[in-house]
Amino acid sequence: MGSNSDIRNFYTSHLKKYGKHDIRAMGWHDEEEYSVRFEICAKIASLENSSVLDIGCGFGGLYRYLNSSRVKDFSYLGIDIMPEMVDIARKKNPTAKFRVGDILKDELLHFDYVFAIGTFNITTRGYSSYFFRAMKKMIQIANKGIAVCFLSDKLYLAKGPYHFENSARIKRKLEKEFNVEARIIDDPRLKGESCLFIYKH
């Protein structure tokens, strides 16, 4: 695939334009669009006493959501390819662990649940291959399940450097290749995105 430089350039320009306190720097349109995805994805299971990996953590919004929802005794690690995002996440969430990381390049420990919320929305050359290799890696390191939220309907974002996948095709492919149970979560609030819950047998 093409390098991550296209993706880094997208977020670097958005950070410069919107600043470190505006969620539009992460490519989201507004707070509701941003937070509702955490609400939906966190329903994958009870996360109490669970370890959580947040891939493409951005400003650490998933960690804040789980804390505000009073999820008890969970451990959390957020990773992002953007050092600037990690610095902001650390300042906003001093009690959480964040580090610069790439799901495919780094050796990662096993976690009960792995989340990727909007992580794969910005594209570069050969990104479909990257997407499925990343899904494979997430399945390998998850003990129990994965929640991934991705673009699936061009009606809402017809123009721009956006990556779209067909949720039904992904479900079939993952269940066939990895012996997992995949569930498509339909929620009208997602507006052009699909959420997929993947459970390990």
Protein backbone atom coordinates (compact mmCIF):
# COMPACT_ATOMS: atom_id res chain seq x y z
CA MET A 1 0.00 0.00 0.00
CA GLY A 2 1.01 3.64 -0.10
CA SER A 3 2.76 5.00 2.94
CA ASN A 4 0.91 6.41 5.93
CA SER A 5 2.13 9.86 4.89
CA ASP A 6 -1.19 10.65 3.17
CA ILE A 7 -3.06 9.84 6.36
CA ARG A 8 -0.61 11.79 8.51
CA ASN A 9 -0.89 14.77 6.17
CA PHE A 10 -4.68 14.71 6.48
CA TYR A 11 -4.61 14.86 10.28
CA THR A 12 -1.69 17.28 10.44
CA SER A 13 -3.60 19.76 8.28
CA HIS A 14 -6.76 19.29 10.35
CA LEU A 15 -4.87 19.83 13.61
CA LYS A 16 -3.36 23.00 12.19
CA LYS A 17 -6.76 24.23 11.01
CA TYR A 18 -8.90 23.36 14.04
CA GLY A 19 -6.49 23.03 16.96
CA LYS A 20 -6.13 20.53 19.77
CA HIS A 21 -9.47 21.26 21.45
CA ASP A 22 -11.73 20.77 18.42
CA ILE A 23 -12.90 17.27 17.44
CA ARG A 24 -12.94 18.36 13.80
CA ALA A 25 -9.16 17.98 13.97
CA MET A 26 -9.83 14.22 13.99
CA GLY A 27 -12.14 14.42 10.98
CA TRP A 28 -15.43 14.34 12.90
CA HIS A 29 -18.13 16.89 12.12
CA ASP A 30 -19.54 17.49 15.60
CA GLU A 31 -19.62 16.20 19.16
CA GLU A 32 -22.73 14.07 18.64
CA GLU A 33 -21.22 12.25 15.66
CA TYR A 34 -18.08 11.68 17.71
CA SER A 35 -19.57 10.47 21.00
CA VAL A 36 -22.39 8.29 19.67
CA ARG A 37 -19.86 5.86 18.17
CA PHE A 38 -18.37 5.22 21.60
CA GLU A 39 -21.84 4.58 23.00
CA ILE A 40 -22.64 2.08 20.24
CA CYS A 41 -19.29 0.28 20.20
CA ALA A 42 -19.11 -0.01 23.99
CA LYS A 43 -22.21 -2.21 23.86
CA ILE A 44 -20.14 -5.10 22.50
CA ALA A 45 -20.08 -6.53 26.03
CA SER A 46 -19.68 -5.60 29.67
CA LEU A 47 -16.22 -4.05 29.82
CA GLU A 48 -15.85 -4.19 33.58
CA ASN A 49 -12.66 -5.96 34.65
CA SER A 50 -11.56 -6.07 31.00
CA SER A 51 -8.47 -4.91 29.14
CA VAL A 52 -9.15 -2.54 26.24
CA LEU A 53 -6.98 -1.57 23.27
CA ASP A 54 -8.06 1.54 21.36
CA ILE A 55 -6.49 1.69 17.88
CA GLY A 56 -6.41 5.16 16.35
CA CYS A 57 -7.26 6.65 19.74
CA GLY A 58 -7.11 10.29 18.65
CA PHE A 59 -7.79 12.52 21.66
CA GLY A 60 -8.69 9.54 23.87
CA GLY A 61 -12.46 9.93 23.60
CA LEU A 62 -13.21 6.25 24.16
CA TYR A 63 -11.35 6.32 27.47
CA ARG A 64 -13.31 9.38 28.60
CA TYR A 65 -16.58 7.75 27.56
CA LEU A 66 -15.87 4.57 29.52
CA ASN A 67 -14.90 6.61 32.58
CA SER A 68 -17.99 8.81 32.38
CA SER A 69 -20.14 5.67 31.98
CA ARG A 70 -18.67 4.38 35.24
CA VAL A 71 -17.20 1.22 33.75
CA LYS A 72 -15.33 -0.30 36.68
CA ASP A 73 -11.87 -1.78 36.84
CA PHE A 74 -10.98 -1.70 33.16
CA SER A 75 -7.44 -1.27 31.86
CA TYR A 76 -6.85 0.79 28.75
CA LEU A 77 -4.16 1.45 26.16
CA GLY A 78 -4.65 3.89 23.30
CA ILE A 79 -2.35 3.90 20.27
CA ASP A 80 -2.17 6.26 17.31
CA ILE A 81 0.24 6.75 14.41
CA MET A 82 0.17 10.51 15.07
CA PRO A 83 2.52 11.67 17.88
CA GLU A 84 0.54 14.91 18.08
CA MET A 85 -2.66 12.99 18.83
CA VAL A 86 -0.93 10.96 21.52
CA ASP A 87 0.43 14.11 23.19
CA ILE A 88 -3.05 15.66 23.25
CA ALA A 89 -4.63 12.43 24.55
CA ARG A 90 -2.11 12.24 27.40
CA LYS A 91 -2.82 15.81 28.45
CA LYS A 92 -6.59 15.31 28.32
CA ASN A 93 -6.46 11.93 30.10
CA PRO A 94 -3.51 11.88 32.52
CA THR A 95 -4.63 8.65 34.18
CA ALA A 96 -4.69 6.64 30.93
CA LYS A 97 -1.90 5.03 28.93
CA PHE A 98 -1.23 6.18 25.37
CA ARG A 99 1.62 5.62 22.96
CA VAL A 100 2.55 6.10 19.33
CA GLY A 101 1.95 2.84 17.50
CA ASP A 102 0.91 1.08 14.30
CA ILE A 103 -1.32 -2.00 14.53
CA LEU A 104 0.62 -3.83 11.81
CA LYS A 105 4.17 -2.79 12.66
CA ASP A 106 4.16 -3.13 16.44
CA GLU A 107 4.22 -6.16 18.70
CA LEU A 108 1.18 -5.85 20.94
CA LEU A 109 0.04 -7.83 23.95
CA HIS A 110 -3.33 -9.54 24.05
CA PHE A 111 -6.35 -7.53 25.16
CA ASP A 112 -9.86 -8.68 25.99
CA TYR A 113 -11.45 -6.19 23.59
CA VAL A 114 -9.97 -4.24 20.70
CA PHE A 115 -11.64 -1.10 19.35
CA ALA A 116 -11.09 0.76 16.08
CA ILE A 117 -13.59 3.61 15.82
CA GLY A 118 -13.18 5.69 12.67
CA THR A 119 -9.59 4.47 12.45
CA PHE A 120 -9.83 3.35 8.84
CA ASN A 121 -11.82 6.26 7.41
CA ILE A 122 -8.97 8.02 5.58
CA THR A 123 -7.55 6.19 2.60
CA THR A 124 -4.33 5.81 0.67
CA ARG A 125 -3.23 3.53 -2.15
CA GLY A 126 -3.90 -0.16 -1.47
CA TYR A 127 -5.89 0.58 1.66
CA SER A 128 -8.38 -2.29 1.32
CA SER A 129 -5.50 -4.73 1.73
CA TYR A 130 -4.28 -2.80 4.77
CA PHE A 131 -7.78 -2.81 6.24
CA PHE A 132 -8.09 -6.60 6.12
CA ARG A 133 -4.56 -7.18 7.40
CA ALA A 134 -5.33 -4.88 10.30
CA MET A 135 -8.55 -6.78 10.98
CA LYS A 136 -6.59 -10.03 11.03
CA LYS A 137 -4.11 -8.58 13.53
CA MET A 138 -6.93 -7.35 15.76
CA ILE A 139 -8.52 -10.79 15.75
CA GLN A 140 -5.18 -12.32 16.69
CA ILE A 141 -4.60 -10.08 19.70
CA ALA A 142 -8.20 -9.93 21.00
CA ASN A 143 -9.10 -12.45 23.68
CA LYS A 144 -12.84 -11.93 23.42
CA GLY A 145 -13.97 -9.45 20.79
CA ILE A 146 -13.48 -6.51 18.46
CA ALA A 147 -15.63 -3.46 17.75
CA VAL A 148 -14.84 -1.63 14.53
CA CYS A 149 -16.65 1.36 13.05
CA PHE A 150 -15.97 2.28 9.41
CA LEU A 151 -17.42 4.17 6.45
CA SER A 152 -19.84 2.17 4.31
CA ASP A 153 -22.16 4.60 2.48
CA LYS A 154 -20.84 7.17 0.01
CA LEU A 155 -24.15 9.04 0.15
CA TYR A 156 -22.87 10.96 3.18
CA LEU A 157 -19.26 11.53 2.07
CA ALA A 158 -19.06 11.42 -1.70
CA LYS A 159 -15.91 13.55 -1.96
CA GLY A 160 -12.64 13.42 -0.10
CA PRO A 161 -9.87 10.96 0.81
CA TYR A 162 -12.29 8.51 2.42
CA HIS A 163 -12.18 4.73 2.54
CA PHE A 164 -15.40 2.71 2.27
CA GLU A 165 -16.04 -0.98 2.91
CA ASN A 166 -19.12 -3.17 2.47
CA SER A 167 -20.15 -4.42 5.89
CA ALA A 168 -21.87 -7.59 4.63
CA ARG A 169 -18.80 -8.55 2.59
CA ILE A 170 -16.50 -7.99 5.55
CA LYS A 171 -18.75 -10.08 7.79
CA ARG A 172 -18.70 -13.01 5.34
CA LYS A 173 -14.96 -12.81 4.77
CA LEU A 174 -14.04 -12.65 8.45
CA GLU A 175 -16.38 -15.48 9.47
CA LYS A 176 -15.06 -17.68 6.67
CA GLU A 177 -11.35 -17.03 7.19
CA PHE A 178 -11.06 -16.67 10.96
CA ASN A 179 -13.84 -18.77 12.53
CA VAL A 180 -15.39 -15.83 14.37
CA GLU A 181 -18.93 -14.58 14.86
CA ALA A 182 -19.51 -11.17 13.28
CA ARG A 183 -22.57 -9.01 13.88
CA ILE A 184 -23.51 -5.93 11.89
CA ILE A 185 -24.89 -3.27 14.21
CA ASP A 186 -27.49 -1.10 12.50
CA ASP A 187 -28.08 2.28 14.08
CA PRO A 188 -29.43 5.28 12.12
CA ARG A 189 -27.25 7.62 14.15
CA LEU A 190 -24.15 6.25 12.43
CA LYS A 191 -25.03 8.14 9.21
CA GLY A 192 -22.97 6.45 6.54
CA GLU A 193 -20.92 4.22 8.81
CA SER A 194 -21.25 0.60 9.86
CA CYS A 195 -20.34 -0.94 13.17
CA LEU A 196 -19.20 -4.54 13.33
CA PHE A 197 -18.91 -6.63 16.49
CA ILE A 198 -16.60 -9.62 16.13
CA TYR A 199 -16.59 -12.33 18.79
CA LYS A 200 -13.92 -14.98 19.25
CA HIS A 201 -15.14 -18.56 19.67
